Amino acid sequence: MPPTIESSNSAREQPRDTCVAPRPATASLVSNFLEIIMFAFLLTRIGRWFERAEQRRNDEYLAGARDLAELERRMRSLESCC
């Protein structure tokens, strides 16, 4: 009798864990999409916060003018720098 070759499904191999269901590809895509949307929202909010902070600084700078001539000079300086 010729020697036999064991099949790849021998009794010595461990069975696969069937308790964990594979994650569908669509769920992964939706998760990535939501992460991108949340990141974009966060960047938008941070950008608005910086814009408001800059506007407050500019308003305080202009409010510190003693007279109309100094106010106009400060307004020109803000327009030329940004």
N, C-alpha and C. Protein backbone atom coordinates (compact mmCIF):
# COMPACT_ATOMS: atom_id res chain seq x y z
N MET A 1 0.85 -1.17 0.00
CA MET A 1 0.00 0.00 0.00
C MET A 1 0.90 1.23 0.00
N PRO A 2 0.62 2.22 -0.90
CA PRO A 2 1.45 3.41 -0.96
C PRO A 2 1.18 4.32 0.23
N PRO A 3 2.20 5.15 0.60
CA PRO A 3 1.98 6.07 1.72
C PRO A 3 0.91 7.10 1.36
N THR A 4 0.16 7.49 2.34
CA THR A 4 -0.90 8.48 2.12
C THR A 4 -0.41 9.85 2.52
N ILE A 5 -0.93 10.82 1.85
CA ILE A 5 -0.60 12.22 2.16
C ILE A 5 -1.77 12.79 2.94
N GLU A 6 -1.44 13.40 4.07
CA GLU A 6 -2.51 13.98 4.89
C GLU A 6 -3.10 15.19 4.20
N SER A 7 -4.37 15.32 4.30
CA SER A 7 -5.03 16.49 3.71
C SER A 7 -4.80 17.71 4.59
N SER A 8 -5.07 18.87 4.03
CA SER A 8 -4.86 20.10 4.81
C SER A 8 -5.86 20.24 5.94
N ASN A 9 -6.89 19.47 5.92
CA ASN A 9 -7.90 19.51 6.97
C ASN A 9 -7.70 18.37 7.95
N SER A 10 -6.49 18.17 8.41
CA SER A 10 -6.21 17.08 9.33
C SER A 10 -6.80 17.38 10.70
N ALA A 11 -6.82 16.36 11.50
CA ALA A 11 -7.40 16.50 12.83
C ALA A 11 -6.50 17.31 13.75
N ARG A 12 -5.23 17.45 13.37
CA ARG A 12 -4.30 18.18 14.23
C ARG A 12 -4.48 19.70 14.12
N GLU A 13 -5.09 20.20 13.05
CA GLU A 13 -5.27 21.66 12.88
C GLU A 13 -6.35 22.16 13.82
N GLN A 14 -6.16 23.36 14.28
CA GLN A 14 -7.14 23.98 15.14
C GLN A 14 -8.29 24.54 14.29
N PRO A 15 -9.50 24.36 14.71
CA PRO A 15 -10.62 24.95 13.94
C PRO A 15 -10.62 26.46 14.09
N ARG A 16 -11.10 27.10 13.07
CA ARG A 16 -11.18 28.57 13.12
C ARG A 16 -12.20 29.01 14.15
N ASP A 17 -11.95 30.18 14.73
CA ASP A 17 -12.88 30.73 15.71
C ASP A 17 -14.08 31.27 14.96
N THR A 18 -15.20 30.64 15.12
CA THR A 18 -16.40 31.04 14.39
C THR A 18 -17.28 31.98 15.21
N CYS A 19 -16.82 32.36 16.40
CA CYS A 19 -17.63 33.25 17.24
C CYS A 19 -17.56 34.70 16.77
N VAL A 20 -16.49 35.07 16.12
CA VAL A 20 -16.32 36.45 15.69
C VAL A 20 -16.73 36.55 14.23
N ALA A 21 -17.76 37.30 13.98
CA ALA A 21 -18.23 37.48 12.61
C ALA A 21 -17.32 38.47 11.90
N PRO A 22 -17.00 38.21 10.64
CA PRO A 22 -16.17 39.18 9.92
C PRO A 22 -16.93 40.48 9.71
N ARG A 23 -16.19 41.57 9.79
CA ARG A 23 -16.80 42.89 9.64
C ARG A 23 -17.01 43.18 8.16
N PRO A 24 -18.24 43.51 7.77
CA PRO A 24 -18.47 43.78 6.35
C PRO A 24 -17.69 45.00 5.88
N ALA A 25 -17.33 45.00 4.61
CA ALA A 25 -16.55 46.10 4.06
C ALA A 25 -17.32 47.41 4.11
N THR A 26 -18.62 47.36 3.96
CA THR A 26 -19.41 48.59 3.97
C THR A 26 -19.39 49.26 5.33
N ALA A 27 -19.35 48.47 6.40
CA ALA A 27 -19.30 49.06 7.74
C ALA A 27 -17.98 49.80 7.94
N SER A 28 -16.91 49.25 7.41
CA SER A 28 -15.62 49.90 7.51
C SER A 28 -15.61 51.21 6.72
N LEU A 29 -16.20 51.20 5.54
CA LEU A 29 -16.27 52.42 4.73
C LEU A 29 -17.10 53.50 5.42
N VAL A 30 -18.21 53.10 6.01
CA VAL A 30 -19.07 54.06 6.72
C VAL A 30 -18.33 54.64 7.91
N SER A 31 -17.61 53.78 8.63
CA SER A 31 -16.85 54.24 9.78
C SER A 31 -15.78 55.25 9.36
N ASN A 32 -15.05 54.95 8.29
CA ASN A 32 -14.03 55.88 7.80
C ASN A 32 -14.65 57.19 7.34
N PHE A 33 -15.78 57.11 6.67
CA PHE A 33 -16.47 58.31 6.20
C PHE A 33 -16.89 59.18 7.37
N LEU A 34 -17.44 58.56 8.42
CA LEU A 34 -17.86 59.33 9.59
C LEU A 34 -16.66 59.97 10.29
N GLU A 35 -15.53 59.29 10.34
CA GLU A 35 -14.34 59.87 10.94
C GLU A 35 -13.88 61.09 10.16
N ILE A 36 -13.94 61.02 8.84
CA ILE A 36 -13.56 62.15 7.99
C ILE A 36 -14.50 63.33 8.22
N ILE A 37 -15.80 63.06 8.28
CA ILE A 37 -16.79 64.11 8.51
C ILE A 37 -16.57 64.76 9.87
N MET A 38 -16.32 63.96 10.90
CA MET A 38 -16.10 64.52 12.24
C MET A 38 -14.82 65.35 12.28
N PHE A 39 -13.78 64.91 11.58
CA PHE A 39 -12.53 65.66 11.53
C PHE A 39 -12.74 66.99 10.81
N ALA A 40 -13.49 66.98 9.71
CA ALA A 40 -13.78 68.22 8.98
C ALA A 40 -14.59 69.18 9.86
N PHE A 41 -15.56 68.65 10.59
CA PHE A 41 -16.36 69.48 11.49
C PHE A 41 -15.49 70.11 12.56
N LEU A 42 -14.58 69.32 13.11
CA LEU A 42 -13.68 69.82 14.16
C LEU A 42 -12.78 70.93 13.61
N LEU A 43 -12.23 70.73 12.42
CA LEU A 43 -11.39 71.76 11.81
C LEU A 43 -12.18 73.04 11.55
N THR A 44 -13.41 72.91 11.11
CA THR A 44 -14.25 74.08 10.88
C THR A 44 -14.50 74.85 12.17
N ARG A 45 -14.83 74.12 13.23
CA ARG A 45 -15.08 74.78 14.52
C ARG A 45 -13.84 75.49 15.05
N ILE A 46 -12.68 74.84 14.94
CA ILE A 46 -11.44 75.46 15.41
C ILE A 46 -11.13 76.70 14.57
N GLY A 47 -11.35 76.63 13.26
CA GLY A 47 -11.13 77.79 12.40
C GLY A 47 -12.02 78.96 12.78
N ARG A 48 -13.28 78.68 13.06
CA ARG A 48 -14.19 79.76 13.49
C ARG A 48 -13.75 80.37 14.81
N TRP A 49 -13.27 79.52 15.72
CA TRP A 49 -12.82 80.01 17.01
C TRP A 49 -11.64 80.96 16.84
N PHE A 50 -10.68 80.61 15.98
CA PHE A 50 -9.54 81.48 15.73
C PHE A 50 -9.98 82.79 15.06
N GLU A 51 -10.93 82.72 14.13
CA GLU A 51 -11.42 83.94 13.48
C GLU A 51 -12.08 84.88 14.48
N ARG A 52 -12.90 84.32 15.38
CA ARG A 52 -13.54 85.16 16.40
C ARG A 52 -12.52 85.77 17.34
N ALA A 53 -11.51 85.00 17.72
CA ALA A 53 -10.47 85.53 18.61
C ALA A 53 -9.71 86.67 17.93
N GLU A 54 -9.40 86.51 16.64
CA GLU A 54 -8.72 87.58 15.91
C GLU A 54 -9.60 88.82 15.79
N GLN A 55 -10.89 88.61 15.55
CA GLN A 55 -11.81 89.75 15.45
C GLN A 55 -11.89 90.50 16.77
N ARG A 56 -11.93 89.76 17.88
CA ARG A 56 -11.96 90.42 19.20
C ARG A 56 -10.69 91.24 19.44
N ARG A 57 -9.53 90.68 19.08
CA ARG A 57 -8.28 91.43 19.24
C ARG A 57 -8.28 92.69 18.40
N ASN A 58 -8.75 92.59 17.16
CA ASN A 58 -8.81 93.77 16.30
C ASN A 58 -9.77 94.82 16.84
N ASP A 59 -10.92 94.38 17.34
CA ASP A 59 -11.88 95.33 17.92
C ASP A 59 -11.30 96.05 19.14
N GLU A 60 -10.60 95.31 19.98
CA GLU A 60 -9.99 95.93 21.15
C GLU A 60 -8.90 96.92 20.74
N TYR A 61 -8.14 96.56 19.71
CA TYR A 61 -7.09 97.44 19.21
C TYR A 61 -7.70 98.73 18.67
N LEU A 62 -8.77 98.63 17.91
CA LEU A 62 -9.41 99.83 17.35
C LEU A 62 -10.10 100.64 18.44
N ALA A 63 -10.67 99.98 19.43
CA ALA A 63 -11.36 100.70 20.51
C ALA A 63 -10.39 101.48 21.38
N GLY A 64 -9.12 101.14 21.34
CA GLY A 64 -8.13 101.85 22.15
C GLY A 64 -7.65 103.17 21.55
N ALA A 65 -8.17 103.53 20.39
CA ALA A 65 -7.76 104.79 19.76
C ALA A 65 -8.28 105.98 20.56
N ARG A 66 -7.43 107.04 20.68
CA ARG A 66 -7.81 108.21 21.47
C ARG A 66 -8.65 109.21 20.68
N ASP A 67 -8.42 109.26 19.37
CA ASP A 67 -9.18 110.21 18.55
C ASP A 67 -9.42 109.59 17.16
N LEU A 68 -10.11 110.34 16.33
CA LEU A 68 -10.49 109.85 15.01
C LEU A 68 -9.27 109.61 14.12
N ALA A 69 -8.28 110.49 14.21
CA ALA A 69 -7.08 110.33 13.38
C ALA A 69 -6.34 109.03 13.73
N GLU A 70 -6.22 108.75 15.02
CA GLU A 70 -5.55 107.52 15.42
C GLU A 70 -6.37 106.29 15.03
N LEU A 71 -7.70 106.40 15.12
CA LEU A 71 -8.56 105.30 14.70
C LEU A 71 -8.36 105.00 13.21
N GLU A 72 -8.31 106.05 12.39
CA GLU A 72 -8.11 105.85 10.96
C GLU A 72 -6.73 105.24 10.67
N ARG A 73 -5.72 105.69 11.41
CA ARG A 73 -4.38 105.11 11.23
C ARG A 73 -4.38 103.64 11.60
N ARG A 74 -5.03 103.28 12.68
CA ARG A 74 -5.10 101.88 13.09
C ARG A 74 -5.89 101.05 12.08
N MET A 75 -6.95 101.60 11.55
CA MET A 75 -7.74 100.88 10.55
C MET A 75 -6.90 100.60 9.30
N ARG A 76 -6.13 101.61 8.86
CA ARG A 76 -5.26 101.41 7.69
C ARG A 76 -4.19 100.36 7.98
N SER A 77 -3.65 100.39 9.20
CA SER A 77 -2.61 99.41 9.52
C SER A 77 -3.17 97.98 9.53
N LEU A 78 -4.41 97.81 9.98
CA LEU A 78 -5.02 96.49 9.95
C LEU A 78 -5.31 96.04 8.51
N GLU A 79 -5.75 96.96 7.66
CA GLU A 79 -6.04 96.62 6.27
C GLU A 79 -4.78 96.25 5.50
N SER A 80 -3.69 96.94 5.77
CA SER A 80 -2.47 96.69 5.01
C SER A 80 -1.76 95.41 5.42
N CYS A 81 -1.89 95.00 6.68
CA CYS A 81 -1.16 93.81 7.13
C CYS A 81 -1.86 92.52 6.75
N CYS A 82 -3.15 92.52 6.63
CA CYS A 82 -3.88 91.27 6.38
C CYS A 82 -4.54 91.32 5.07
